Protein backbone atom coordinates (compact mmCIF):
# COMPACT_ATOMS: atom_id res chain seq x y z
CA MET A 1 1.65 8.81 -8.96
CA ARG A 2 4.68 9.55 -11.12
CA GLY A 3 7.78 10.79 -9.36
CA VAL A 4 6.78 10.03 -5.78
CA ARG A 5 9.42 8.46 -3.61
CA PRO A 6 9.13 5.42 -1.34
CA ILE A 7 9.19 5.87 2.42
CA THR A 8 11.47 4.08 4.85
CA LYS A 9 10.33 1.76 7.62
CA GLU A 10 11.16 4.49 10.15
CA GLU A 11 9.10 7.05 8.23
CA ALA A 12 6.21 4.58 8.02
CA GLY A 13 6.26 4.26 11.82
CA LYS A 14 6.18 8.04 12.25
CA ALA A 15 3.32 8.41 9.76
CA LEU A 16 1.35 5.65 11.47
CA ALA A 17 1.64 7.47 14.80
CA ALA A 18 0.47 10.70 13.16
CA PHE A 19 -3.00 9.43 12.28
CA THR A 20 -5.44 10.95 14.73
CA GLY A 21 -9.11 11.81 14.97
CA ARG A 22 -12.35 9.96 14.57
CA TYR A 23 -11.15 7.73 11.73
CA GLN A 24 -7.61 7.03 12.87
CA THR A 25 -8.28 3.27 13.09
CA ARG A 26 -9.52 3.22 9.49
CA ASP A 27 -6.64 5.39 8.29
CA ARG A 28 -4.03 3.19 9.96
CA ALA A 29 -5.60 0.06 8.48
CA LEU A 30 -5.63 1.65 5.02
CA PHE A 31 -2.01 2.79 5.32
CA LEU A 32 -0.85 -0.62 6.55
CA PHE A 33 -2.80 -2.39 3.82
CA GLN A 34 -0.83 -0.60 1.15
CA PHE A 35 2.45 -0.83 3.04
CA TYR A 36 2.22 -4.60 3.56
CA THR A 37 0.61 -5.63 0.26
CA GLY A 38 1.95 -3.10 -2.23
CA ARG A 39 -1.45 -2.87 -3.90
CA ARG A 40 -2.47 0.24 -5.78
CA ILE A 41 -4.83 2.62 -3.99
CA SER A 42 -7.63 1.97 -6.51
CA GLN A 43 -7.50 -1.77 -5.77
CA THR A 44 -7.37 -1.19 -2.04
CA LEU A 45 -10.34 1.18 -1.94
CA ALA A 46 -12.46 -1.26 -3.99
CA LEU A 47 -12.29 -3.92 -1.26
CA ARG A 48 -15.49 -5.00 0.42
CA ILE A 49 -15.85 -6.30 3.97
CA GLY A 50 -16.62 -9.75 2.59
CA ASP A 51 -13.28 -9.75 0.76
CA VAL A 52 -11.39 -9.31 4.02
CA ILE A 53 -13.56 -10.77 6.81
CA THR A 54 -14.33 -14.51 6.88
CA GLU A 55 -17.78 -16.02 7.46
CA GLN A 56 -16.64 -16.70 11.03
CA GLY A 57 -16.01 -13.00 11.57
CA ASP A 58 -12.20 -12.93 11.65
CA VAL A 59 -9.76 -11.33 9.21
CA ALA A 60 -8.83 -13.70 6.40
CA PRO A 61 -5.17 -14.78 6.05
CA SER A 62 -5.22 -13.57 2.45
CA VAL A 63 -7.41 -11.50 0.17
CA TYR A 64 -8.40 -12.24 -3.40
CA PHE A 65 -8.65 -9.39 -5.88
CA GLU A 66 -11.12 -9.99 -8.69
CA ARG A 67 -9.75 -9.65 -12.20
CA ARG A 68 -11.83 -6.49 -12.78
CA THR A 69 -9.86 -4.67 -10.03
CA VAL A 70 -6.42 -5.68 -11.33
CA LYS A 71 -4.54 -3.41 -13.74
CA LYS A 72 -4.94 -4.62 -17.36
CA LYS A 73 -7.50 -7.13 -16.02
CA THR A 74 -5.67 -10.26 -17.22
CA ALA A 75 -6.16 -12.33 -14.04
CA GLY A 76 -7.18 -12.09 -10.41
CA GLU A 77 -4.60 -12.32 -7.65
CA SER A 78 -4.44 -13.58 -4.08
CA ILE A 79 -2.41 -11.52 -1.58
CA TYR A 80 -1.20 -12.68 1.84
CA LEU A 81 -2.04 -10.38 4.75
CA HIS A 82 0.74 -9.65 7.26
CA ARG A 83 -0.12 -10.24 10.94
CA THR A 84 0.28 -6.52 11.76
CA LEU A 85 -2.13 -5.64 8.97
CA ARG A 86 -4.61 -8.28 10.11
CA LYS A 87 -4.58 -6.80 13.61
CA ALA A 88 -5.30 -3.31 12.23
CA LEU A 89 -8.13 -4.64 10.06
CA ARG A 90 -9.61 -6.48 13.02
CA LEU A 91 -9.74 -3.23 15.03
CA TRP A 92 -11.36 -1.34 12.15
CA ALA A 93 -13.92 -4.11 11.55
CA LYS A 94 -14.86 -3.91 15.23
CA GLU A 95 -15.51 -0.16 14.91
CA LEU A 96 -17.59 -0.69 11.76
CA ARG A 97 -19.76 -3.17 13.65
CA GLU A 98 -20.23 -0.70 16.50
CA MET A 99 -21.26 2.03 14.04
CA GLY A 100 -23.74 -0.31 12.35
CA TYR A 101 -21.91 -0.08 9.04
CA PHE A 102 -20.91 -3.73 8.89
CA HIS A 103 -22.27 -5.78 6.00
CA ARG A 104 -20.29 -8.11 3.76
CA ALA A 105 -21.22 -6.05 0.70
CA HIS A 106 -20.07 -2.77 2.27
CA PHE A 107 -16.72 -1.24 1.40
CA ILE A 108 -14.11 -1.87 4.08
CA PHE A 109 -12.59 1.62 3.78
CA GLN A 110 -15.76 3.71 4.08
CA SER A 111 -15.56 7.48 3.85
CA GLY A 112 -17.92 8.55 6.63
CA ARG A 113 -19.90 10.63 4.10
CA GLY A 114 -22.79 8.18 4.24
CA LYS A 115 -23.36 4.49 4.57
CA ASN A 116 -21.31 2.32 2.20
CA ARG A 117 -19.47 5.10 0.40
CA PRO A 118 -15.79 4.26 -0.15
CA LEU A 119 -12.99 6.74 0.27
CA THR A 120 -11.95 8.36 -3.00
CA ARG A 121 -8.36 8.38 -4.19
CA HIS A 122 -8.25 12.11 -3.49
CA GLU A 123 -9.47 11.60 0.08
CA ALA A 124 -6.88 8.87 0.64
CA TYR A 125 -4.15 11.16 -0.67
CA ASN A 126 -5.23 13.94 1.70
CA ILE A 127 -5.28 11.53 4.66
CA TYR A 128 -1.70 10.44 3.92
CA HIS A 129 -0.55 13.98 3.14
CA ARG A 130 -1.73 15.29 6.51
CA ALA A 131 -0.01 12.42 8.35
CA PHE A 132 3.26 12.90 6.45
CA ARG A 133 3.33 16.61 7.22
CA LYS A 134 2.43 16.09 10.87
CA ALA A 135 5.20 13.50 11.16
CA GLY A 136 7.73 15.81 9.50
CA ILE A 137 8.17 13.60 6.43
CA TRP A 138 8.95 15.64 3.34
CA GLY A 139 9.53 15.15 -0.36
CA LYS A 140 7.26 14.14 -3.21
CA LEU A 141 4.92 11.67 -1.53
CA GLY A 142 1.55 10.13 -2.23
CA THR A 143 -0.48 6.95 -1.97
CA HIS A 144 1.85 5.30 -4.50
CA SER A 145 4.80 5.86 -2.15
CA LEU A 146 3.66 2.78 -0.23
CA ARG A 147 3.66 0.57 -3.31
CA LYS A 148 7.20 1.72 -4.05
CA SER A 149 8.21 1.01 -0.44
CA PHE A 150 6.80 -2.49 -0.78
CA ALA A 151 8.61 -3.02 -4.10
CA SER A 152 11.92 -1.92 -2.62
CA ALA A 153 11.54 -4.15 0.45
CA VAL A 154 10.59 -7.20 -1.62
CA TYR A 155 13.44 -6.62 -4.08
CA ASP A 156 15.97 -6.51 -1.23
CA HIS A 157 14.41 -9.49 0.58
CA PHE A 158 14.73 -11.68 -2.52
CA ASP A 159 18.37 -10.62 -3.07
CA ARG A 160 17.35 -8.51 -6.07
CA ASP A 161 15.56 -11.37 -7.80
CA LEU A 162 13.55 -9.64 -10.53
CA VAL A 163 11.23 -12.59 -11.26
CA LYS A 164 10.09 -12.89 -7.65
CA THR A 165 9.72 -9.12 -7.38
CA GLN A 166 7.68 -9.11 -10.59
CA HIS A 167 5.34 -11.72 -9.12
CA ALA A 168 4.98 -9.81 -5.83
CA LEU A 169 4.05 -6.61 -7.68
CA GLY A 170 1.65 -8.34 -10.06
CA HIS A 171 3.45 -7.12 -13.18
CA ILE A 172 2.68 -8.99 -16.40
CA LYS A 173 6.07 -8.29 -17.99
CA ILE A 174 9.45 -8.26 -16.26
CA ASP A 175 10.33 -5.15 -18.29
CA SER A 176 7.69 -3.34 -16.27
CA THR A 177 9.39 -4.41 -13.04
CA VAL A 178 12.81 -3.28 -14.26
CA SER A 179 11.41 0.09 -15.36
CA TYR A 180 9.48 0.45 -12.11
CA LEU A 181 12.49 -0.22 -9.89
CA ASN A 182 14.71 2.02 -11.99
CA SER A 183 12.31 4.90 -11.36
CA PHE A 184 13.46 5.12 -7.74
CA ARG A 185 16.18 2.50 -7.07
CA ASN A 186 19.17 4.37 -8.47
CA GLU A 187 21.80 3.49 -5.84
CA GLU A 188 23.51 1.10 -8.27
CA PHE A 189 23.88 3.85 -10.87
CA ILE A 190 25.27 6.30 -8.28
CA ALA A 191 27.74 3.64 -7.08
CA ALA A 192 28.82 2.96 -10.66
CA ILE A 193 29.47 6.66 -11.29
CA ASP A 194 31.39 7.02 -8.03
CA SER A 195 33.56 4.02 -8.95
CA LEU A 196 34.89 5.71 -12.08
CA GLU A 197 38.49 6.77 -11.82
CA GLU A 198 39.17 10.44 -11.26
CA VAL A 199 40.07 12.41 -14.37
CA ASN A 200 42.69 15.09 -13.94
CA ALA A 201 43.37 17.94 -16.32
């Protein structure tokens, strides 16, 4: 979503605690998936149980996105799954088994509106929106806020290495990465303006 801002680690913790209700385990797993992988919501919601759960029944260390689910569809991509995310997915998979909605071909983030119906982007937005408001997190926010949070964290971790950040985000061209970061990482520009010498009349 254009114009949404990233959220901080502290805000992410508050939002995570704000998920309640029957599907709180699913909602936390969804939120953490985006936060720790930086994938777009459309990619995330297209995941099937078989993409995430191994034949042995545990959460895979990484997930492979088919080329058809990747923006511009030039190549598939394999994404590492953080240990915190894997724990959340394990809990949600357990609940799916208990509900009888566990089959490798089923969507992992099911909507609850019937067997094997994935959440829509609009539903995911509403889930996040409610959690943000309940947690007292304000500003222009959406599902894409988590991708921007991921981008910002990766950029800082790699000491502002654009090539590595480009790879982590799955951008084809580095120009896309520069443009993407410039849409919300404007501290450098503010610092440059502040560094200008004062002009007196």
